[in-house]
Amino acid sequence: MARQRTREEKLFGAAVLRRSFELRGEDQGKAFRAVYLGVLRDLGLTDDEVAEYQAANAARVDAAVGRGRSSA
């Protein structure tokens, strides 16, 4: 059985997904909303939580999607 993800890991994954759609300019489309909202529901997160995490960890999130450099 796979190990449970931590809340931090869930937030990071959702933030990377959100940022990848933003960088492509697709963060307002139907496909994004369907996928993203489903992921949030499955992870037990809200968009506000992910947005806050993304803002606080912008360099790390951008590094994960190939933009910028990670300070970690």
Protein backbone atom coordinates (compact mmCIF):
# COMPACT_ATOMS: atom_id res chain seq x y z
CA MET A 1 0.00 0.00 0.00
CA ALA A 2 1.30 3.48 -0.88
CA ARG A 3 2.23 5.79 1.93
CA GLN A 4 -0.11 8.67 2.71
CA ARG A 5 1.00 12.05 1.44
CA THR A 6 1.58 14.78 3.97
CA ARG A 7 -0.46 17.96 3.83
CA GLU A 8 2.68 19.78 2.61
CA GLU A 9 3.08 17.29 -0.25
CA LYS A 10 -0.58 17.65 -1.21
CA LEU A 11 -0.34 21.45 -1.21
CA PHE A 12 2.87 21.37 -3.24
CA GLY A 13 1.40 19.05 -5.86
CA ALA A 14 -1.75 21.12 -6.21
CA ALA A 15 0.28 24.33 -6.42
CA VAL A 16 2.46 22.88 -9.19
CA LEU A 17 -0.64 21.83 -11.12
CA ARG A 18 -2.21 25.27 -10.67
CA ARG A 19 0.99 27.07 -11.70
CA SER A 20 1.49 24.93 -14.79
CA PHE A 21 -1.97 25.92 -16.05
CA GLU A 22 -1.30 29.59 -15.18
CA LEU A 23 1.93 29.62 -17.18
CA ARG A 24 0.10 28.29 -20.23
CA GLY A 25 -2.66 30.87 -19.81
CA GLU A 26 -5.22 28.11 -19.34
CA ASP A 27 -6.11 28.71 -15.69
CA GLN A 28 -9.58 30.02 -16.50
CA GLY A 29 -10.62 27.30 -18.93
CA LYS A 30 -13.13 24.51 -18.43
CA ALA A 31 -10.46 21.81 -18.59
CA PHE A 32 -8.47 23.44 -15.82
CA ARG A 33 -11.49 23.89 -13.60
CA ALA A 34 -12.59 20.28 -14.07
CA VAL A 35 -9.16 18.78 -13.40
CA TYR A 36 -8.09 21.20 -10.68
CA LEU A 37 -11.32 21.13 -8.70
CA GLY A 38 -11.33 17.34 -8.85
CA VAL A 39 -7.77 17.23 -7.55
CA LEU A 40 -8.64 19.62 -4.73
CA ARG A 41 -11.64 17.52 -3.78
CA ASP A 42 -9.59 14.32 -3.79
CA LEU A 43 -6.83 15.91 -1.69
CA GLY A 44 -9.21 17.63 0.72
CA LEU A 45 -7.85 21.10 -0.09
CA THR A 46 -9.36 24.44 -1.06
CA ASP A 47 -8.24 26.83 -3.77
CA ASP A 48 -7.52 29.48 -1.13
CA GLU A 49 -5.18 27.09 0.71
CA VAL A 50 -3.34 26.26 -2.51
CA ALA A 51 -3.09 29.92 -3.57
CA GLU A 52 -1.66 30.85 -0.17
CA TYR A 53 0.84 27.98 -0.32
CA GLN A 54 1.80 28.90 -3.88
CA ALA A 55 2.44 32.53 -2.94
CA ALA A 56 4.56 31.55 0.07
CA ASN A 57 6.57 28.99 -1.93
CA ALA A 58 6.69 30.61 -5.37
CA ALA A 59 10.36 29.87 -6.12
CA ARG A 60 10.01 26.20 -5.21
CA VAL A 61 6.78 25.78 -7.18
CA ASP A 62 8.23 27.56 -10.22
CA ALA A 63 11.33 25.38 -10.07
CA ALA A 64 9.14 22.28 -10.13
CA VAL A 65 7.46 23.42 -13.34
CA GLY A 66 10.77 24.37 -14.90
CA ARG A 67 10.69 28.09 -14.16
CA GLY A 68 13.21 29.68 -11.86
CA ARG A 69 15.50 28.02 -9.39
CA SER A 70 14.72 26.23 -6.17
CA SER A 71 16.20 27.58 -2.96
CA ALA A 72 15.67 24.22 -1.22
